[in-house]
PDB file of N, CA and C in Angstrom:
ATOM      1  N   MET A   1       4.979   5.857  15.609  1.00  0.00           N
ATOM      2  CA  MET A   1       4.177   5.019  14.735  1.00  0.00           C
ATOM      3  C   MET A   1       4.209   5.598  13.319  1.00  0.00           C
ATOM      4  N   ALA A   2       4.255   4.739  12.333  1.00  0.00           N
ATOM      5  CA  ALA A   2       4.307   5.164  10.939  1.00  0.00           C
ATOM      6  C   ALA A   2       3.015   5.869  10.538  1.00  0.00           C
ATOM      7  N   LYS A   3       3.156   6.924   9.756  1.00  0.00           N
ATOM      8  CA  LYS A   3       1.993   7.659   9.265  1.00  0.00           C
ATOM      9  C   LYS A   3       1.461   7.077   7.968  1.00  0.00           C
ATOM     10  N   HIS A   4       2.309   6.457   7.181  1.00  0.00           N
ATOM     11  CA  HIS A   4       1.921   5.966   5.859  1.00  0.00           C
ATOM     12  C   HIS A   4       1.885   4.440   5.861  1.00  0.00           C
ATOM     13  N   ASN A   5       1.032   3.893   5.001  1.00  0.00           N
ATOM     14  CA  ASN A   5       0.983   2.446   4.859  1.00  0.00           C
ATOM     15  C   ASN A   5       0.712   2.096   3.407  1.00  0.00           C
ATOM     16  N   HIS A   6       1.017   0.879   3.078  1.00  0.00           N
ATOM     17  CA  HIS A   6       0.816   0.382   1.717  1.00  0.00           C
ATOM     18  C   HIS A   6       0.187  -1.006   1.792  1.00  0.00           C
ATOM     19  N   ARG A   7      -0.973  -1.124   2.365  1.00  0.00           N
ATOM     20  CA  ARG A   7      -1.617  -2.415   2.548  1.00  0.00           C
ATOM     21  C   ARG A   7      -2.350  -2.886   1.288  1.00  0.00           C
ATOM     22  N   PHE A   8      -2.833  -1.980   0.473  1.00  0.00           N
ATOM     23  CA  PHE A   8      -3.646  -2.382  -0.669  1.00  0.00           C
ATOM     24  C   PHE A   8      -2.917  -3.395  -1.536  1.00  0.00           C
ATOM     25  N   VAL A   9      -1.693  -3.095  -1.901  1.00  0.00           N
ATOM     26  CA  VAL A   9      -0.930  -3.976  -2.787  1.00  0.00           C
ATOM     27  C   VAL A   9      -0.676  -5.328  -2.139  1.00  0.00           C
ATOM     28  N   GLU A  10      -0.595  -5.361  -0.836  1.00  0.00           N
ATOM     29  CA  GLU A  10      -0.355  -6.624  -0.124  1.00  0.00           C
ATOM     30  C   GLU A  10      -1.613  -7.475  -0.058  1.00  0.00           C
ATOM     31  N   ASP A  11      -2.768  -6.834   0.013  1.00  0.00           N
ATOM     32  CA  ASP A  11      -4.029  -7.548   0.200  1.00  0.00           C
ATOM     33  C   ASP A  11      -4.800  -7.799  -1.099  1.00  0.00           C
ATOM     34  N   TYR A  12      -4.527  -7.032  -2.126  1.00  0.00           N
ATOM     35  CA  TYR A  12      -5.284  -7.118  -3.384  1.00  0.00           C
ATOM     36  C   TYR A  12      -4.954  -8.417  -4.110  1.00  0.00           C
ATOM     37  N   ASP A  13      -5.984  -9.131  -4.539  1.00  0.00           N
ATOM     38  CA  ASP A  13      -5.752 -10.378  -5.261  1.00  0.00           C
ATOM     39  C   ASP A  13      -6.425 -10.394  -6.628  1.00  0.00           C
ATOM     40  N   GLY A  14      -6.804  -9.220  -7.115  1.00  0.00           N
ATOM     41  CA  GLY A  14      -7.438  -9.114  -8.418  1.00  0.00           C
ATOM     42  C   GLY A  14      -6.432  -8.929  -9.535  1.00  0.00           C
ATOM     43  N   LEU A  15      -6.958  -8.681 -10.704  1.00  0.00           N
ATOM     44  CA  LEU A  15      -6.149  -8.477 -11.897  1.00  0.00           C
ATOM     45  C   LEU A  15      -5.356  -7.175 -11.798  1.00  0.00           C
ATOM     46  N   VAL A  16      -4.090  -7.239 -12.168  1.00  0.00           N
ATOM     47  CA  VAL A  16      -3.283  -6.029 -12.313  1.00  0.00           C
ATOM     48  C   VAL A  16      -3.063  -5.861 -13.811  1.00  0.00           C
ATOM     49  N   GLY A  17      -3.889  -5.032 -14.404  1.00  0.00           N
ATOM     50  CA  GLY A  17      -3.852  -4.788 -15.835  1.00  0.00           C
ATOM     51  C   GLY A  17      -4.679  -3.555 -16.136  1.00  0.00           C
ATOM     52  N   PHE A  18      -4.468  -2.975 -17.277  1.00  0.00           N
ATOM     53  CA  PHE A  18      -5.115  -1.709 -17.581  1.00  0.00           C
ATOM     54  C   PHE A  18      -5.968  -1.821 -18.828  1.00  0.00           C
ATOM     55  N   GLY A  19      -7.138  -1.179 -18.790  1.00  0.00           N
ATOM     56  CA  GLY A  19      -7.981  -1.075 -19.962  1.00  0.00           C
ATOM     57  C   GLY A  19      -9.204  -1.974 -19.980  1.00  0.00           C
ATOM     58  N   MET A  20      -9.385  -2.784 -18.973  1.00  0.00           N
ATOM     59  CA  MET A  20     -10.531  -3.688 -18.951  1.00  0.00           C
ATOM     60  C   MET A  20     -11.767  -3.022 -18.339  1.00  0.00           C
ATOM     61  N   SER A  21     -11.590  -2.303 -17.249  1.00  0.00           N
ATOM     62  CA  SER A  21     -12.699  -1.613 -16.588  1.00  0.00           C
ATOM     63  C   SER A  21     -12.123  -0.501 -15.722  1.00  0.00           C
ATOM     64  N   ARG A  22     -12.951   0.451 -15.384  1.00  0.00           N
ATOM     65  CA  ARG A  22     -12.512   1.559 -14.526  1.00  0.00           C
ATOM     66  C   ARG A  22     -12.017   1.032 -13.181  1.00  0.00           C
ATOM     67  N   GLU A  23     -12.760   0.080 -12.594  1.00  0.00           N
ATOM     68  CA  GLU A  23     -12.377  -0.460 -11.287  1.00  0.00           C
ATOM     69  C   GLU A  23     -11.009  -1.144 -11.345  1.00  0.00           C
ATOM     70  N   GLU A  24     -10.779  -1.961 -12.365  1.00  0.00           N
ATOM     71  CA  GLU A  24      -9.477  -2.619 -12.494  1.00  0.00           C
ATOM     72  C   GLU A  24      -8.371  -1.612 -12.795  1.00  0.00           C
ATOM     73  N   ASP A  25      -8.678  -0.574 -13.569  1.00  0.00           N
ATOM     74  CA  ASP A  25      -7.698   0.489 -13.815  1.00  0.00           C
ATOM     75  C   ASP A  25      -7.310   1.177 -12.507  1.00  0.00           C
ATOM     76  N   GLU A  26      -8.308   1.511 -11.689  1.00  0.00           N
ATOM     77  CA  GLU A  26      -8.037   2.155 -10.397  1.00  0.00           C
ATOM     78  C   GLU A  26      -7.174   1.258  -9.521  1.00  0.00           C
ATOM     79  N   ASN A  27      -7.542  -0.019  -9.420  1.00  0.00           N
ATOM     80  CA  ASN A  27      -6.787  -0.959  -8.592  1.00  0.00           C
ATOM     81  C   ASN A  27      -5.366  -1.139  -9.110  1.00  0.00           C
ATOM     82  N   THR A  28      -5.213  -1.171 -10.427  1.00  0.00           N
ATOM     83  CA  THR A  28      -3.895  -1.325 -11.026  1.00  0.00           C
ATOM     84  C   THR A  28      -3.014  -0.120 -10.722  1.00  0.00           C
ATOM     85  N   VAL A  29      -3.573   1.076 -10.817  1.00  0.00           N
ATOM     86  CA  VAL A  29      -2.793   2.283 -10.518  1.00  0.00           C
ATOM     87  C   VAL A  29      -2.364   2.280  -9.045  1.00  0.00           C
ATOM     88  N   ILE A  30      -3.256   1.890  -8.158  1.00  0.00           N
ATOM     89  CA  ILE A  30      -2.897   1.808  -6.737  1.00  0.00           C
ATOM     90  C   ILE A  30      -1.747   0.819  -6.549  1.00  0.00           C
ATOM     91  N   CYS A  31      -1.868  -0.360  -7.143  1.00  0.00           N
ATOM     92  CA  CYS A  31      -0.803  -1.364  -7.026  1.00  0.00           C
ATOM     93  C   CYS A  31       0.514  -0.845  -7.588  1.00  0.00           C
ATOM     94  N   TYR A  32       0.481  -0.262  -8.769  1.00  0.00           N
ATOM     95  CA  TYR A  32       1.699   0.250  -9.392  1.00  0.00           C
ATOM     96  C   TYR A  32       2.366   1.319  -8.525  1.00  0.00           C
ATOM     97  N   LEU A  33       1.561   2.246  -8.017  1.00  0.00           N
ATOM     98  CA  LEU A  33       2.137   3.313  -7.197  1.00  0.00           C
ATOM     99  C   LEU A  33       2.721   2.777  -5.899  1.00  0.00           C
ATOM    100  N   GLN A  34       2.025   1.824  -5.273  1.00  0.00           N
ATOM    101  CA  GLN A  34       2.543   1.266  -4.029  1.00  0.00           C
ATOM    102  C   GLN A  34       3.787   0.424  -4.282  1.00  0.00           C
ATOM    103  N   MET A  35       3.816  -0.332  -5.370  1.00  0.00           N
ATOM    104  CA  MET A  35       5.015  -1.099  -5.704  1.00  0.00           C
ATOM    105  C   MET A  35       6.156  -0.158  -6.084  1.00  0.00           C
ATOM    106  N   PHE A  36       5.838   0.896  -6.819  1.00  0.00           N
ATOM    107  CA  PHE A  36       6.852   1.865  -7.258  1.00  0.00           C
ATOM    108  C   PHE A  36       7.504   2.568  -6.074  1.00  0.00           C
ATOM    109  N   SER A  37       6.715   2.858  -5.038  1.00  0.00           N
ATOM    110  CA  SER A  37       7.253   3.600  -3.899  1.00  0.00           C
ATOM    111  C   SER A  37       7.899   2.710  -2.842  1.00  0.00           C
ATOM    112  N   ASP A  38       8.009   1.431  -3.105  1.00  0.00           N
ATOM    113  CA  ASP A  38       8.671   0.513  -2.192  1.00  0.00           C
ATOM    114  C   ASP A  38      10.093   1.004  -1.889  1.00  0.00           C
ATOM    115  N   ASP A  39      10.472   0.978  -0.636  1.00  0.00           N
ATOM    116  CA  ASP A  39      11.784   1.498  -0.238  1.00  0.00           C
ATOM    117  C   ASP A  39      12.941   0.827  -0.971  1.00  0.00           C
ATOM    118  N   GLU A  40      12.877  -0.481  -1.139  1.00  0.00           N
ATOM    119  CA  GLU A  40      13.964  -1.190  -1.813  1.00  0.00           C
ATOM    120  C   GLU A  40      14.071  -0.781  -3.278  1.00  0.00           C
ATOM    121  N   LEU A  41      12.928  -0.711  -3.964  1.00  0.00           N
ATOM    122  CA  LEU A  41      12.950  -0.290  -5.369  1.00  0.00           C
ATOM    123  C   LEU A  41      13.421   1.156  -5.487  1.00  0.00           C
ATOM    124  N   MET A  42      12.942   2.028  -4.623  1.00  0.00           N
ATOM    125  CA  MET A  42      13.377   3.427  -4.667  1.00  0.00           C
ATOM    126  C   MET A  42      14.863   3.551  -4.383  1.00  0.00           C
ATOM    127  N   GLY A  43      15.380   2.659  -3.542  1.00  0.00           N
ATOM    128  CA  GLY A  43      16.816   2.643  -3.283  1.00  0.00           C
ATOM    129  C   GLY A  43      17.609   2.394  -4.556  1.00  0.00           C
ATOM    130  N   LEU A  44      17.070   1.564  -5.441  1.00  0.00           N
ATOM    131  CA  LEU A  44      17.726   1.303  -6.730  1.00  0.00           C
ATOM    132  C   LEU A  44      17.538   2.463  -7.704  1.00  0.00           C
ATOM    133  N   LEU A  45      16.301   2.962  -7.791  1.00  0.00           N
ATOM    134  CA  LEU A  45      15.977   3.949  -8.816  1.00  0.00           C
ATOM    135  C   LEU A  45      16.444   5.369  -8.514  1.00  0.00           C
ATOM    136  N   ARG A  46      16.456   5.760  -7.270  1.00  0.00           N
ATOM    137  CA  ARG A  46      16.656   7.176  -6.935  1.00  0.00           C
ATOM    138  C   ARG A  46      17.937   7.761  -7.514  1.00  0.00           C
ATOM    139  N   LYS A  47      19.005   7.026  -7.513  1.00  0.00           N
ATOM    140  CA  LYS A  47      20.270   7.538  -8.063  1.00  0.00           C
ATOM    141  C   LYS A  47      20.362   7.353  -9.575  1.00  0.00           C
ATOM    142  N   ARG A  48      19.505   6.499 -10.137  1.00  0.00           N
ATOM    143  CA  ARG A  48      19.532   6.241 -11.575  1.00  0.00           C
ATOM    144  C   ARG A  48      18.654   7.202 -12.358  1.00  0.00           C
ATOM    145  N   LEU A  49      17.628   7.728 -11.722  1.00  0.00           N
ATOM    146  CA  LEU A  49      16.722   8.652 -12.410  1.00  0.00           C
ATOM    147  C   LEU A  49      17.459   9.936 -12.743  1.00  0.00           C
ATOM    148  N   SER A  50      17.252  10.419 -13.931  1.00  0.00           N
ATOM    149  CA  SER A  50      17.874  11.679 -14.338  1.00  0.00           C
ATOM    150  C   SER A  50      17.219  12.829 -13.574  1.00  0.00           C
ATOM    151  N   ASP A  51      17.883  13.967 -13.549  1.00  0.00           N
ATOM    152  CA  ASP A  51      17.301  15.157 -12.925  1.00  0.00           C
ATOM    153  C   ASP A  51      15.963  15.492 -13.577  1.00  0.00           C
ATOM    154  N   GLU A  52      15.907  15.340 -14.896  1.00  0.00           N
ATOM    155  CA  GLU A  52      14.677  15.627 -15.634  1.00  0.00           C
ATOM    156  C   GLU A  52      13.554  14.661 -15.223  1.00  0.00           C
ATOM    157  N   ASP A  53      13.866  13.391 -15.088  1.00  0.00           N
ATOM    158  CA  ASP A  53      12.856  12.413 -14.692  1.00  0.00           C
ATOM    159  C   ASP A  53      12.390  12.635 -13.255  1.00  0.00           C
ATOM    160  N   LEU A  54      13.313  12.981 -12.371  1.00  0.00           N
ATOM    161  CA  LEU A  54      12.917  13.306 -10.992  1.00  0.00           C
ATOM    162  C   LEU A  54      11.957  14.494 -10.969  1.00  0.00           C
ATOM    163  N   GLU A  55      12.284  15.516 -11.720  1.00  0.00           N
ATOM    164  CA  GLU A  55      11.427  16.700 -11.780  1.00  0.00           C
ATOM    165  C   GLU A  55      10.075  16.368 -12.406  1.00  0.00           C
ATOM    166  N   ARG A  56      10.084  15.588 -13.465  1.00  0.00           N
ATOM    167  CA  ARG A  56       8.842  15.194 -14.128  1.00  0.00           C
ATOM    168  C   ARG A  56       7.943  14.398 -13.180  1.00  0.00           C
ATOM    169  N   LEU A  57       8.519  13.469 -12.448  1.00  0.00           N
ATOM    170  CA  LEU A  57       7.753  12.664 -11.498  1.00  0.00           C
ATOM    171  C   LEU A  57       7.195  13.531 -10.375  1.00  0.00           C
ATOM    172  N   PHE A  58       8.017  14.400  -9.811  1.00  0.00           N
ATOM    173  CA  PHE A  58       7.591  15.312  -8.754  1.00  0.00           C
ATOM    174  C   PHE A  58       6.449  16.204  -9.241  1.00  0.00           C
ATOM    175  N   ASN A  59       6.596  16.784 -10.423  1.00  0.00           N
ATOM    176  CA  ASN A  59       5.576  17.678 -10.964  1.00  0.00           C
ATOM    177  C   ASN A  59       4.283  16.938 -11.296  1.00  0.00           C
ATOM    178  N   CYS A  60       4.390  15.725 -11.793  1.00  0.00           N
ATOM    179  CA  CYS A  60       3.197  14.936 -12.118  1.00  0.00           C
ATOM    180  C   CYS A  60       2.379  14.662 -10.862  1.00  0.00           C
ATOM    181  N   VAL A  61       3.033  14.186  -9.820  1.00  0.00           N
ATOM    182  CA  VAL A  61       2.327  13.905  -8.568  1.00  0.00           C
ATOM    183  C   VAL A  61       1.766  15.188  -7.975  1.00  0.00           C
ATOM    184  N   GLY A  62       2.557  16.243  -7.950  1.00  0.00           N
ATOM    185  CA  GLY A  62       2.095  17.519  -7.404  1.00  0.00           C
ATOM    186  C   GLY A  62       0.891  18.071  -8.149  1.00  0.00           C
ATOM    187  N   THR A  63       0.919  17.970  -9.469  1.00  0.00           N
ATOM    188  CA  THR A  63      -0.202  18.447 -10.286  1.00  0.00           C
ATOM    189  C   THR A  63      -1.479  17.684  -9.963  1.00  0.00           C
ATOM    190  N   LEU A  64      -1.381  16.366  -9.848  1.00  0.00           N
ATOM    191  CA  LEU A  64      -2.558  15.554  -9.514  1.00  0.00           C
ATOM    192  C   LEU A  64      -3.089  15.877  -8.122  1.00  0.00           C
ATOM    193  N   LEU A  65      -2.194  16.058  -7.174  1.00  0.00           N
ATOM    194  CA  LEU A  65      -2.625  16.403  -5.813  1.00  0.00           C
ATOM    195  C   LEU A  65      -3.357  17.739  -5.800  1.00  0.00           C
ATOM    196  N   LYS A  66      -2.795  18.733  -6.495  1.00  0.00           N
ATOM    197  CA  LYS A  66      -3.437  20.053  -6.549  1.00  0.00           C
ATOM    198  C   LYS A  66      -4.783  20.006  -7.253  1.00  0.00           C
ATOM    199  N   LYS A  67      -4.886  19.166  -8.282  1.00  0.00           N
ATOM    200  CA  LYS A  67      -6.114  19.085  -9.071  1.00  0.00           C
ATOM    201  C   LYS A  67      -7.253  18.417  -8.300  1.00  0.00           C
ATOM    202  N   TYR A  68      -6.948  17.394  -7.525  1.00  0.00           N
ATOM    203  CA  TYR A  68      -7.998  16.566  -6.951  1.00  0.00           C
ATOM    204  C   TYR A  68      -8.172  16.666  -5.434  1.00  0.00           C
ATOM    205  N   LEU A  69      -7.277  17.372  -4.746  1.00  0.00           N
ATOM    206  CA  LEU A  69      -7.405  17.523  -3.297  1.00  0.00           C
ATOM    207  C   LEU A  69      -7.570  18.985  -2.911  1.00  0.00           C
ATOM    208  N   SER A  70      -8.409  19.211  -1.932  1.00  0.00           N
ATOM    209  CA  SER A  70      -8.485  20.543  -1.340  1.00  0.00           C
ATOM    210  C   SER A  70      -7.232  20.744  -0.484  1.00  0.00           C
ATOM    211  N   GLU A  71      -7.001  21.967  -0.074  1.00  0.00           N
ATOM    212  CA  GLU A  71      -5.850  22.258   0.786  1.00  0.00           C
ATOM    213  C   GLU A  71      -5.912  21.419   2.069  1.00  0.00           C
ATOM    214  N   GLU A  72      -7.101  21.335   2.656  1.00  0.00           N
ATOM    215  CA  GLU A  72      -7.281  20.553   3.893  1.00  0.00           C
ATOM    216  C   GLU A  72      -7.014  19.067   3.645  1.00  0.00           C
ATOM    217  N   GLU A  73      -7.537  18.539   2.542  1.00  0.00           N
ATOM    218  CA  GLU A  73      -7.302  17.124   2.209  1.00  0.00           C
ATOM    219  C   GLU A  73      -5.819  16.857   1.962  1.00  0.00           C
ATOM    220  N   TYR A  74      -5.154  17.792   1.316  1.00  0.00           N
ATOM    221  CA  TYR A  74      -3.713  17.659   1.064  1.00  0.00           C
ATOM    222  C   TYR A  74      -2.960  17.523   2.384  1.00  0.00           C
ATOM    223  N   HIS A  75      -3.273  18.379   3.344  1.00  0.00           N
ATOM    224  CA  HIS A  75      -2.587  18.333   4.636  1.00  0.00           C
ATOM    225  C   HIS A  75      -2.979  17.109   5.445  1.00  0.00           C
ATOM    226  N   THR A  76      -4.235  16.740   5.376  1.00  0.00           N
ATOM    227  CA  THR A  76      -4.719  15.609   6.169  1.00  0.00           C
ATOM    228  C   THR A  76      -4.290  14.266   5.584  1.00  0.00           C
ATOM    229  N   HIS A  77      -4.481  14.079   4.292  1.00  0.00           N
ATOM    230  CA  HIS A  77      -4.286  12.759   3.701  1.00  0.00           C
ATOM    231  C   HIS A  77      -2.917  12.547   3.058  1.00  0.00           C
ATOM    232  N   PHE A  78      -2.297  13.593   2.549  1.00  0.00           N
ATOM    233  CA  PHE A  78      -0.982  13.443   1.935  1.00  0.00           C
ATOM    234  C   PHE A  78       0.127  13.744   2.940  1.00  0.00           C
ATOM    235  N   LEU A  79       0.096  14.923   3.528  1.00  0.00           N
ATOM    236  CA  LEU A  79       1.126  15.279   4.500  1.00  0.00           C
ATOM    237  C   LEU A  79       0.928  14.601   5.847  1.00  0.00           C
ATOM    238  N   LYS A  80      -0.313  14.213   6.136  1.00  0.00           N
ATOM    239  CA  LYS A  80      -0.666  13.546   7.393  1.00  0.00           C
ATOM    240  C   LYS A  80      -0.270  14.405   8.590  1.00  0.00           C
ATOM    241  N   ASP A  81      -0.492  15.711   8.469  1.00  0.00           N
ATOM    242  CA  ASP A  81      -0.090  16.597   9.558  1.00  0.00           C
ATOM    243  C   ASP A  81      -1.259  17.053  10.420  1.00  0.00           C
ATOM    244  N   GLU A  82      -2.385  16.342  10.352  1.00  0.00           N
ATOM    245  CA  GLU A  82      -3.548  16.728  11.142  1.00  0.00           C
ATOM    246  C   GLU A  82      -3.310  16.610  12.641  1.00  0.00           C
ATOM    247  N   ASP A  83      -2.359  15.785  13.071  1.00  0.00           N
ATOM    248  CA  ASP A  83      -2.095  15.605  14.487  1.00  0.00           C
ATOM    249  C   ASP A  83      -1.031  16.572  15.013  1.00  0.00           C
ATOM    250  N   GLU A  84      -0.399  17.306  14.115  1.00  0.00           N
ATOM    251  CA  GLU A  84       0.671  18.204  14.535  1.00  0.00           C
ATOM    252  C   GLU A  84       0.097  19.464  15.114  1.00  0.00           C
ATOM    253  N   GLU A  85       0.732  19.934  16.151  1.00  0.00           N
ATOM    254  CA  GLU A  85       0.270  21.168  16.789  1.00  0.00           C
ATOM    255  C   GLU A  85       0.752  22.365  16.007  1.00  0.00           C
ATOM    256  N   ALA A  86      -0.106  23.354  15.902  1.00  0.00           N
ATOM    257  CA  ALA A  86       0.280  24.604  15.239  1.00  0.00           C
ATOM    258  C   ALA A  86       1.248  25.352  16.117  1.00  0.00           C
ATOM    259  N   PRO A  87       2.204  26.065  15.496  1.00  0.00           N
ATOM    260  CA  PRO A  87       3.209  26.827  16.295  1.00  0.00           C
ATOM    261  C   PRO A  87       2.576  27.963  17.042  1.00  0.00           C
TER     262      PRO A  87
END
């Protein structure tokens, strides 16, 4: 069974725009990230992104994860390894 899902972008019917309110900004970022990580789009972009852009994107996401998630939250919600048995 898949560990990750992207239902928000499929179910959201509000405004996708930035700068109107915090709630709409949050929803827009969720939509953008879920659309950006779509397998088909990534299939197009992955070979086109420069090494510098790949590194910048990786570091940006990593920095945000480190800033806003505890170690436990990182493993549980990002890595989704809470069900894995320890060696």
